[in-house]
C-alpha cells in the first residue's frame, strides 16, 4: 500500500458573536503595572504605576478584516521629587 497526502479546502463560517464571546473570556477585565523611571535626571525616587479596566468587547467584520474593540479606562499615578538639576532649571 502507498500512502498519499491530501489537502482539503473547505469554506468555514464562524459567527462574530462566537469570536467576541471567546475574546471576552480570554482577556482580563482589570490589569495594572509599574514602570521604570524614564526621566531619572529630572525626577528622582519616582514611583510610576498604572491601572486599567476594559469594558465589553465588540466584534465586527468585513471581507478579510476582523475588528475587535473595547473601551479602556485607567489611571496613571506618578510620584517623586524633582532632582537638583531640574529644580535649578525651573
PDB file of N, CA and C in Angstrom:
ATOM      1  N   UNK A   1       0.829  -1.198   0.000  1.00  0.00           N
ATOM      2  CA  UNK A   1       0.000   0.000   0.000  1.00  0.00           C
ATOM      3  C   UNK A   1       0.872   1.262   0.000  1.00  0.00           C
ATOM      4  N   UNK A   2       0.404   2.264  -0.719  1.00  0.00           N
ATOM      5  CA  UNK A   2       1.098   3.544  -0.807  1.00  0.00           C
ATOM      6  C   UNK A   2       0.228   4.596  -0.129  1.00  0.00           C
ATOM      7  N   UNK A   3       0.854   5.392   0.745  1.00  0.00           N
ATOM      8  CA  UNK A   3       0.076   6.463   1.384  1.00  0.00           C
ATOM      9  C   UNK A   3       0.360   7.778   0.672  1.00  0.00           C
ATOM     10  N   UNK A   4      -0.664   8.589   0.533  1.00  0.00           N
ATOM     11  CA  UNK A   4      -0.545   9.875  -0.130  1.00  0.00           C
ATOM     12  C   UNK A   4      -1.125  10.955   0.785  1.00  0.00           C
ATOM     13  N   UNK A   5      -0.617  12.137   0.635  1.00  0.00           N
ATOM     14  CA  UNK A   5      -1.155  13.277   1.371  1.00  0.00           C
ATOM     15  C   UNK A   5      -2.212  13.960   0.524  1.00  0.00           C
ATOM     16  N   UNK A   6      -3.250  14.409   1.186  1.00  0.00           N
ATOM     17  CA  UNK A   6      -4.311  15.142   0.514  1.00  0.00           C
ATOM     18  C   UNK A   6      -4.550  16.452   1.263  1.00  0.00           C
ATOM     19  N   UNK A   7      -4.968  17.451   0.528  1.00  0.00           N
ATOM     20  CA  UNK A   7      -5.331  18.736   1.112  1.00  0.00           C
ATOM     21  C   UNK A   7      -6.777  19.007   0.751  1.00  0.00           C
ATOM     22  N   UNK A   8      -7.568  19.331   1.757  1.00  0.00           N
ATOM     23  CA  UNK A   8      -8.968  19.649   1.543  1.00  0.00           C
ATOM     24  C   UNK A   8      -9.167  21.104   1.924  1.00  0.00           C
ATOM     25  N   UNK A   9      -9.716  21.884   1.035  1.00  0.00           N
ATOM     26  CA  UNK A   9     -10.040  23.278   1.297  1.00  0.00           C
ATOM     27  C   UNK A   9     -11.553  23.373   1.388  1.00  0.00           C
ATOM     28  N   UNK A  10     -12.022  23.825   2.562  1.00  0.00           N
ATOM     29  CA  UNK A  10     -13.463  23.922   2.765  1.00  0.00           C
ATOM     30  C   UNK A  10     -13.792  25.276   3.362  1.00  0.00           C
ATOM     31  N   UNK A  11     -14.816  25.936   2.872  1.00  0.00           N
ATOM     32  CA  UNK A  11     -15.210  27.215   3.467  1.00  0.00           C
ATOM     33  C   UNK A  11     -15.776  26.990   4.866  1.00  0.00           C
ATOM     34  N   UNK A  12     -15.422  27.872   5.775  1.00  0.00           N
ATOM     35  CA  UNK A  12     -15.880  27.783   7.156  1.00  0.00           C
ATOM     36  C   UNK A  12     -16.431  29.141   7.560  1.00  0.00           C
ATOM     37  N   UNK A  13     -17.529  29.143   8.235  1.00  0.00           N
ATOM     38  CA  UNK A  13     -18.121  30.387   8.737  1.00  0.00           C
ATOM     39  C   UNK A  13     -18.172  30.308  10.257  1.00  0.00           C
ATOM     40  N   UNK A  14     -17.599  31.312  10.915  1.00  0.00           N
ATOM     41  CA  UNK A  14     -17.627  31.402  12.370  1.00  0.00           C
ATOM     42  C   UNK A  14     -18.357  32.697  12.711  1.00  0.00           C
ATOM     43  N   UNK A  15     -19.364  32.595  13.534  1.00  0.00           N
ATOM     44  CA  UNK A  15     -20.167  33.763  13.885  1.00  0.00           C
ATOM     45  C   UNK A  15     -19.324  34.779  14.655  1.00  0.00           C
ATOM     46  N   UNK A  16     -19.534  36.055  14.350  1.00  0.00           N
ATOM     47  CA  UNK A  16     -18.833  37.117  15.076  1.00  0.00           C
ATOM     48  C   UNK A  16     -19.149  37.062  16.566  1.00  0.00           C
ATOM     49  N   UNK A  17     -20.353  36.656  16.910  1.00  0.00           N
ATOM     50  CA  UNK A  17     -20.708  36.554  18.332  1.00  0.00           C
ATOM     51  C   UNK A  17     -19.857  35.497  19.042  1.00  0.00           C
ATOM     52  N   UNK A  18     -19.536  34.411  18.361  1.00  0.00           N
ATOM     53  CA  UNK A  18     -18.690  33.369  18.958  1.00  0.00           C
ATOM     54  C   UNK A  18     -17.270  33.880  19.159  1.00  0.00           C
ATOM     55  N   UNK A  19     -16.759  34.632  18.198  1.00  0.00           N
ATOM     56  CA  UNK A  19     -15.414  35.213  18.326  1.00  0.00           C
ATOM     57  C   UNK A  19     -15.392  36.214  19.477  1.00  0.00           C
ATOM     58  N   UNK A  20     -16.417  37.060  19.562  1.00  0.00           N
ATOM     59  CA  UNK A  20     -16.491  38.053  20.630  1.00  0.00           C
ATOM     60  C   UNK A  20     -16.567  37.380  22.000  1.00  0.00           C
ATOM     61  N   UNK A  21     -17.376  36.342  22.120  1.00  0.00           N
ATOM     62  CA  UNK A  21     -17.518  35.635  23.398  1.00  0.00           C
ATOM     63  C   UNK A  21     -16.195  35.024  23.847  1.00  0.00           C
ATOM     64  N   UNK A  22     -15.456  34.425  22.926  1.00  0.00           N
ATOM     65  CA  UNK A  22     -14.173  33.824  23.289  1.00  0.00           C
ATOM     66  C   UNK A  22     -13.139  34.891  23.662  1.00  0.00           C
ATOM     67  N   UNK A  23     -13.121  35.995  22.923  1.00  0.00           N
ATOM     68  CA  UNK A  23     -12.210  37.093  23.272  1.00  0.00           C
ATOM     69  C   UNK A  23     -12.561  37.673  24.629  1.00  0.00           C
ATOM     70  N   UNK A  24     -13.847  37.803  24.913  1.00  0.00           N
ATOM     71  CA  UNK A  24     -14.325  38.318  26.200  1.00  0.00           C
ATOM     72  C   UNK A  24     -13.849  37.427  27.339  1.00  0.00           C
ATOM     73  N   UNK A  25     -13.920  36.119  27.149  1.00  0.00           N
ATOM     74  CA  UNK A  25     -13.480  35.177  28.184  1.00  0.00           C
ATOM     75  C   UNK A  25     -11.965  35.204  28.377  1.00  0.00           C
ATOM     76  N   UNK A  26     -11.220  35.375  27.300  1.00  0.00           N
ATOM     77  CA  UNK A  26      -9.763  35.250  27.355  1.00  0.00           C
ATOM     78  C   UNK A  26      -9.054  36.509  27.850  1.00  0.00           C
ATOM     79  N   UNK A  27      -9.645  37.672  27.652  1.00  0.00           N
ATOM     80  CA  UNK A  27      -8.972  38.929  28.013  1.00  0.00           C
ATOM     81  C   UNK A  27      -9.325  39.333  29.441  1.00  0.00           C
ATOM     82  N   UNK A  28      -8.324  39.728  30.233  1.00  0.00           N
ATOM     83  CA  UNK A  28      -8.623  40.154  31.607  1.00  0.00           C
ATOM     84  C   UNK A  28      -9.438  41.443  31.625  1.00  0.00           C
ATOM     85  N   UNK A  29     -10.280  41.607  32.629  1.00  0.00           N
ATOM     86  CA  UNK A  29     -11.087  42.823  32.779  1.00  0.00           C
ATOM     87  C   UNK A  29     -10.269  43.962  33.376  1.00  0.00           C
ATOM     88  N   UNK A  30      -9.385  43.644  34.313  1.00  0.00           N
ATOM     89  CA  UNK A  30      -8.585  44.645  35.006  1.00  0.00           C
ATOM     90  C   UNK A  30      -7.121  44.261  34.920  1.00  0.00           C
ATOM     91  N   UNK A  31      -6.265  45.242  34.762  1.00  0.00           N
ATOM     92  CA  UNK A  31      -4.837  44.981  34.751  1.00  0.00           C
ATOM     93  C   UNK A  31      -4.097  46.199  35.284  1.00  0.00           C
ATOM     94  N   UNK A  32      -2.874  45.982  35.738  1.00  0.00           N
ATOM     95  CA  UNK A  32      -2.090  47.046  36.358  1.00  0.00           C
ATOM     96  C   UNK A  32      -0.612  46.751  36.152  1.00  0.00           C
ATOM     97  N   UNK A  33       0.206  47.754  36.379  1.00  0.00           N
ATOM     98  CA  UNK A  33       1.639  47.556  36.232  1.00  0.00           C
ATOM     99  C   UNK A  33       2.435  48.699  36.814  1.00  0.00           C
ATOM    100  N   UNK A  34       3.729  48.516  36.833  1.00  0.00           N
ATOM    101  CA  UNK A  34       4.690  49.516  37.286  1.00  0.00           C
ATOM    102  C   UNK A  34       5.624  49.802  36.126  1.00  0.00           C
ATOM    103  N   UNK A  35       6.130  51.030  36.073  1.00  0.00           N
ATOM    104  CA  UNK A  35       7.046  51.414  35.006  1.00  0.00           C
ATOM    105  C   UNK A  35       8.352  51.917  35.611  1.00  0.00           C
ATOM    106  N   UNK A  36       9.422  51.723  34.864  1.00  0.00           N
ATOM    107  CA  UNK A  36      10.712  52.284  35.250  1.00  0.00           C
ATOM    108  C   UNK A  36      10.679  53.795  35.048  1.00  0.00           C
ATOM    109  N   UNK A  37      11.538  54.499  35.724  1.00  0.00           N
ATOM    110  CA  UNK A  37      11.604  55.956  35.602  1.00  0.00           C
ATOM    111  C   UNK A  37      12.365  56.319  34.330  1.00  0.00           C
ATOM    112  N   UNK A  38      11.698  56.842  33.301  1.00  0.00           N
ATOM    113  CA  UNK A  38      12.385  57.179  32.056  1.00  0.00           C
ATOM    114  C   UNK A  38      13.108  58.530  32.105  1.00  0.00           C
ATOM    115  N   UNK A  39      12.856  59.316  33.140  1.00  0.00           N
ATOM    116  CA  UNK A  39      13.465  60.655  33.235  1.00  0.00           C
ATOM    117  C   UNK A  39      14.142  60.838  34.596  1.00  0.00           C
ATOM    118  N   UNK A  40      15.018  59.915  34.941  1.00  0.00           N
ATOM    119  CA  UNK A  40      15.661  59.950  36.258  1.00  0.00           C
ATOM    120  C   UNK A  40      16.527  61.187  36.465  1.00  0.00           C
ATOM    121  N   UNK A  41      16.944  61.853  35.372  1.00  0.00           N
ATOM    122  CA  UNK A  41      17.720  63.084  35.516  1.00  0.00           C
ATOM    123  C   UNK A  41      16.849  64.217  36.058  1.00  0.00           C
ATOM    124  N   UNK A  42      15.550  64.135  35.829  1.00  0.00           N
ATOM    125  CA  UNK A  42      14.634  65.194  36.254  1.00  0.00           C
ATOM    126  C   UNK A  42      13.832  64.788  37.492  1.00  0.00           C
ATOM    127  N   UNK A  43      13.370  63.549  37.527  1.00  0.00           N
ATOM    128  CA  UNK A  43      12.516  63.072  38.612  1.00  0.00           C
ATOM    129  C   UNK A  43      13.236  61.953  39.351  1.00  0.00           C
ATOM    130  N   UNK A  44      13.487  62.171  40.629  1.00  0.00           N
ATOM    131  CA  UNK A  44      14.184  61.140  41.405  1.00  0.00           C
ATOM    132  C   UNK A  44      13.210  60.482  42.376  1.00  0.00           C
ATOM    133  N   UNK A  45      13.546  59.295  42.811  1.00  0.00           N
ATOM    134  CA  UNK A  45      12.702  58.497  43.712  1.00  0.00           C
ATOM    135  C   UNK A  45      11.287  58.354  43.156  1.00  0.00           C
ATOM    136  N   UNK A  46      11.193  58.133  41.870  1.00  0.00           N
ATOM    137  CA  UNK A  46       9.891  58.063  41.215  1.00  0.00           C
ATOM    138  C   UNK A  46       9.212  56.721  41.458  1.00  0.00           C
ATOM    139  N   UNK A  47       7.930  56.785  41.640  1.00  0.00           N
ATOM    140  CA  UNK A  47       7.079  55.606  41.705  1.00  0.00           C
ATOM    141  C   UNK A  47       6.009  55.802  40.638  1.00  0.00           C
ATOM    142  N   UNK A  48       6.067  54.989  39.591  1.00  0.00           N
ATOM    143  CA  UNK A  48       5.156  55.133  38.462  1.00  0.00           C
ATOM    144  C   UNK A  48       4.324  53.862  38.369  1.00  0.00           C
ATOM    145  N   UNK A  49       3.034  54.019  38.534  1.00  0.00           N
ATOM    146  CA  UNK A  49       2.137  52.868  38.458  1.00  0.00           C
ATOM    147  C   UNK A  49       0.912  53.210  37.642  1.00  0.00           C
ATOM    148  N   UNK A  50       0.276  52.190  37.093  1.00  0.00           N
ATOM    149  CA  UNK A  50      -0.925  52.399  36.294  1.00  0.00           C
ATOM    150  C   UNK A  50      -1.909  51.262  36.519  1.00  0.00           C
ATOM    151  N   UNK A  51      -3.171  51.582  36.369  1.00  0.00           N
ATOM    152  CA  UNK A  51      -4.237  50.589  36.414  1.00  0.00           C
ATOM    153  C   UNK A  51      -5.167  50.862  35.236  1.00  0.00           C
ATOM    154  N   UNK A  52      -5.805  49.837  34.756  1.00  0.00           N
ATOM    155  CA  UNK A  52      -6.740  49.987  33.645  1.00  0.00           C
ATOM    156  C   UNK A  52      -7.842  48.935  33.763  1.00  0.00           C
ATOM    157  N   UNK A  53      -8.990  49.292  33.252  1.00  0.00           N
ATOM    158  CA  UNK A  53     -10.125  48.371  33.215  1.00  0.00           C
ATOM    159  C   UNK A  53     -10.749  48.459  31.826  1.00  0.00           C
ATOM    160  N   UNK A  54     -11.150  47.324  31.313  1.00  0.00           N
ATOM    161  CA  UNK A  54     -11.774  47.322  29.994  1.00  0.00           C
ATOM    162  C   UNK A  54     -13.263  47.079  30.118  1.00  0.00           C
ATOM    163  N   UNK A  55     -13.977  47.599  29.149  1.00  0.00           N
ATOM    164  CA  UNK A  55     -15.418  47.397  29.079  1.00  0.00           C
ATOM    165  C   UNK A  55     -15.738  46.195  28.207  1.00  0.00           C
ATOM    166  N   UNK A  56     -16.984  46.071  27.808  1.00  0.00           N
ATOM    167  CA  UNK A  56     -17.378  44.938  26.967  1.00  0.00           C
ATOM    168  C   UNK A  56     -16.761  45.022  25.569  1.00  0.00           C
ATOM    169  N   UNK A  57     -16.428  43.874  25.039  1.00  0.00           N
ATOM    170  CA  UNK A  57     -15.831  43.810  23.704  1.00  0.00           C
ATOM    171  C   UNK A  57     -16.913  43.745  22.635  1.00  0.00           C
ATOM    172  N   UNK A  58     -16.558  44.233  21.456  1.00  0.00           N
ATOM    173  CA  UNK A  58     -17.432  44.080  20.296  1.00  0.00           C
ATOM    174  C   UNK A  58     -16.579  43.572  19.138  1.00  0.00           C
ATOM    175  N   UNK A  59     -17.191  42.807  18.281  1.00  0.00           N
ATOM    176  CA  UNK A  59     -16.501  42.255  17.113  1.00  0.00           C
ATOM    177  C   UNK A  59     -17.296  42.615  15.867  1.00  0.00           C
ATOM    178  N   UNK A  60     -16.591  43.136  14.881  1.00  0.00           N
ATOM    179  CA  UNK A  60     -17.201  43.437  13.594  1.00  0.00           C
ATOM    180  C   UNK A  60     -16.309  42.867  12.503  1.00  0.00           C
ATOM    181  N   UNK A  61     -16.890  42.615  11.373  1.00  0.00           N
ATOM    182  CA  UNK A  61     -16.105  42.040  10.295  1.00  0.00           C
ATOM    183  C   UNK A  61     -16.541  42.530   8.938  1.00  0.00           C
ATOM    184  N   UNK A  62     -15.610  42.441   8.038  1.00  0.00           N
ATOM    185  CA  UNK A  62     -15.837  42.750   6.633  1.00  0.00           C
ATOM    186  C   UNK A  62     -14.970  41.764   5.863  1.00  0.00           C
ATOM    187  N   UNK A  63     -14.958  41.851   4.586  1.00  0.00           N
ATOM    188  CA  UNK A  63     -14.165  40.918   3.792  1.00  0.00           C
ATOM    189  C   UNK A  63     -12.696  41.008   4.204  1.00  0.00           C
ATOM    190  N   UNK A  64     -12.138  39.904   4.675  1.00  0.00           N
ATOM    191  CA  UNK A  64     -10.732  39.770   5.069  1.00  0.00           C
ATOM    192  C   UNK A  64     -10.327  40.673   6.220  1.00  0.00           C
ATOM    193  N   UNK A  65     -11.289  41.182   7.001  1.00  0.00           N
ATOM    194  CA  UNK A  65     -10.962  42.072   8.123  1.00  0.00           C
ATOM    195  C   UNK A  65     -11.812  41.685   9.331  1.00  0.00           C
ATOM    196  N   UNK A  66     -11.166  41.544  10.482  1.00  0.00           N
ATOM    197  CA  UNK A  66     -11.853  41.328  11.745  1.00  0.00           C
ATOM    198  C   UNK A  66     -11.402  42.423  12.687  1.00  0.00           C
ATOM    199  N   UNK A  67     -12.343  43.116  13.302  1.00  0.00           N
ATOM    200  CA  UNK A  67     -12.022  44.183  14.243  1.00  0.00           C
ATOM    201  C   UNK A  67     -12.659  43.851  15.582  1.00  0.00           C
ATOM    202  N   UNK A  68     -11.833  43.817  16.629  1.00  0.00           N
ATOM    203  CA  UNK A  68     -12.319  43.630  17.990  1.00  0.00           C
ATOM    204  C   UNK A  68     -11.961  44.902  18.748  1.00  0.00           C
ATOM    205  N   UNK A  69     -12.958  45.504  19.393  1.00  0.00           N
ATOM    206  CA  UNK A  69     -12.697  46.746  20.107  1.00  0.00           C
ATOM    207  C   UNK A  69     -13.342  46.704  21.486  1.00  0.00           C
ATOM    208  N   UNK A  70     -12.794  47.546  22.385  1.00  0.00           N
ATOM    209  CA  UNK A  70     -13.319  47.662  23.740  1.00  0.00           C
ATOM    210  C   UNK A  70     -12.923  49.010  24.312  1.00  0.00           C
ATOM    211  N   UNK A  71     -13.784  49.630  25.103  1.00  0.00           N
ATOM    212  CA  UNK A  71     -13.363  50.866  25.767  1.00  0.00           C
ATOM    213  C   UNK A  71     -12.432  50.529  26.935  1.00  0.00           C
ATOM    214  N   UNK A  72     -11.432  51.365  27.143  1.00  0.00           N
ATOM    215  CA  UNK A  72     -10.488  51.172  28.245  1.00  0.00           C
ATOM    216  C   UNK A  72     -10.410  52.468  29.040  1.00  0.00           C
ATOM    217  N   UNK A  73     -10.535  52.353  30.350  1.00  0.00           N
ATOM    218  CA  UNK A  73     -10.350  53.496  31.236  1.00  0.00           C
ATOM    219  C   UNK A  73      -9.232  53.149  32.197  1.00  0.00           C
ATOM    220  N   UNK A  74      -8.502  54.164  32.625  1.00  0.00           N
ATOM    221  CA  UNK A  74      -7.394  53.870  33.509  1.00  0.00           C
ATOM    222  C   UNK A  74      -6.896  55.078  34.258  1.00  0.00           C
ATOM    223  N   UNK A  75      -5.848  54.825  35.017  1.00  0.00           N
ATOM    224  CA  UNK A  75      -5.255  55.854  35.856  1.00  0.00           C
ATOM    225  C   UNK A  75      -3.739  55.673  35.858  1.00  0.00           C
ATOM    226  N   UNK A  76      -3.040  56.788  35.708  1.00  0.00           N
ATOM    227  CA  UNK A  76      -1.578  56.801  35.796  1.00  0.00           C
ATOM    228  C   UNK A  76      -1.214  57.612  37.025  1.00  0.00           C
ATOM    229  N   UNK A  77      -0.407  57.035  37.898  1.00  0.00           N
ATOM    230  CA  UNK A  77      -0.003  57.712  39.123  1.00  0.00           C
ATOM    231  C   UNK A  77       1.519  57.820  39.157  1.00  0.00           C
ATOM    232  N   UNK A  78       2.018  59.045  39.207  1.00  0.00           N
ATOM    233  CA  UNK A  78       3.458  59.280  39.249  1.00  0.00           C
ATOM    234  C   UNK A  78       3.768  60.134  40.475  1.00  0.00           C
ATOM    235  N   UNK A  79       4.650  59.629  41.328  1.00  0.00           N
ATOM    236  CA  UNK A  79       5.116  60.408  42.473  1.00  0.00           C
ATOM    237  C   UNK A  79       6.631  60.415  42.467  1.00  0.00           C
ATOM    238  N   UNK A  80       7.217  61.424  43.060  1.00  0.00           N
ATOM    239  CA  UNK A  80       8.666  61.559  43.141  1.00  0.00           C
ATOM    240  C   UNK A  80       9.015  62.985  43.498  1.00  0.00           C
ATOM    241  N   UNK A  81      10.273  63.296  43.390  1.00  0.00           N
ATOM    242  CA  UNK A  81      10.703  64.665  43.650  1.00  0.00           C
ATOM    243  C   UNK A  81      11.629  65.121  42.534  1.00  0.00           C
ATOM    244  N   UNK A  82      11.614  66.418  42.289  1.00  0.00           N
ATOM    245  CA  UNK A  82      12.483  66.962  41.252  1.00  0.00           C
ATOM    246  C   UNK A  82      13.928  66.870  41.700  1.00  0.00           C
ATOM    247  N   UNK A  83      14.796  66.525  40.774  1.00  0.00           N
ATOM    248  CA  UNK A  83      16.224  66.453  41.076  1.00  0.00           C
ATOM    249  C   UNK A  83      16.797  67.868  41.196  1.00  0.00           C
ATOM    250  N   UNK A  84      17.974  67.968  41.735  1.00  0.00           N
ATOM    251  CA  UNK A  84      18.614  69.283  41.902  1.00  0.00           C
ATOM    252  C   UNK A  84      18.818  69.954  40.538  1.00  0.00           C
ATOM    253  N   UNK A  85      19.154  69.182  39.515  1.00  0.00           N
ATOM    254  CA  UNK A  85      19.334  69.740  38.169  1.00  0.00           C
ATOM    255  C   UNK A  85      18.039  70.352  37.651  1.00  0.00           C
ATOM    256  N   UNK A  86      16.928  69.673  37.860  1.00  0.00           N
ATOM    257  CA  UNK A  86      15.639  70.159  37.366  1.00  0.00           C
ATOM    258  C   UNK A  86      15.176  71.370  38.171  1.00  0.00           C
ATOM    259  N   UNK A  87      15.396  71.377  39.471  1.00  0.00           N
ATOM    260  CA  UNK A  87      14.970  72.493  40.307  1.00  0.00           C
ATOM    261  C   UNK A  87      15.682  73.777  39.888  1.00  0.00           C
ATOM    262  N   UNK A  88      16.977  73.686  39.594  1.00  0.00           N
ATOM    263  CA  UNK A  88      17.728  74.852  39.159  1.00  0.00           C
ATOM    264  C   UNK A  88      17.282  75.355  37.790  1.00  0.00           C
ATOM    265  N   UNK A  89      16.849  74.452  36.937  1.00  0.00           N
ATOM    266  CA  UNK A  89      16.426  74.840  35.600  1.00  0.00           C
ATOM    267  C   UNK A  89      15.053  75.508  35.608  1.00  0.00           C
ATOM    268  N   UNK A  90      14.246  75.178  36.605  1.00  0.00           N
ATOM    269  CA  UNK A  90      12.923  75.771  36.681  1.00  0.00           C
ATOM    270  C   UNK A  90      13.018  77.123  37.316  1.00  0.00           C
TER     271      UNK A  90
END
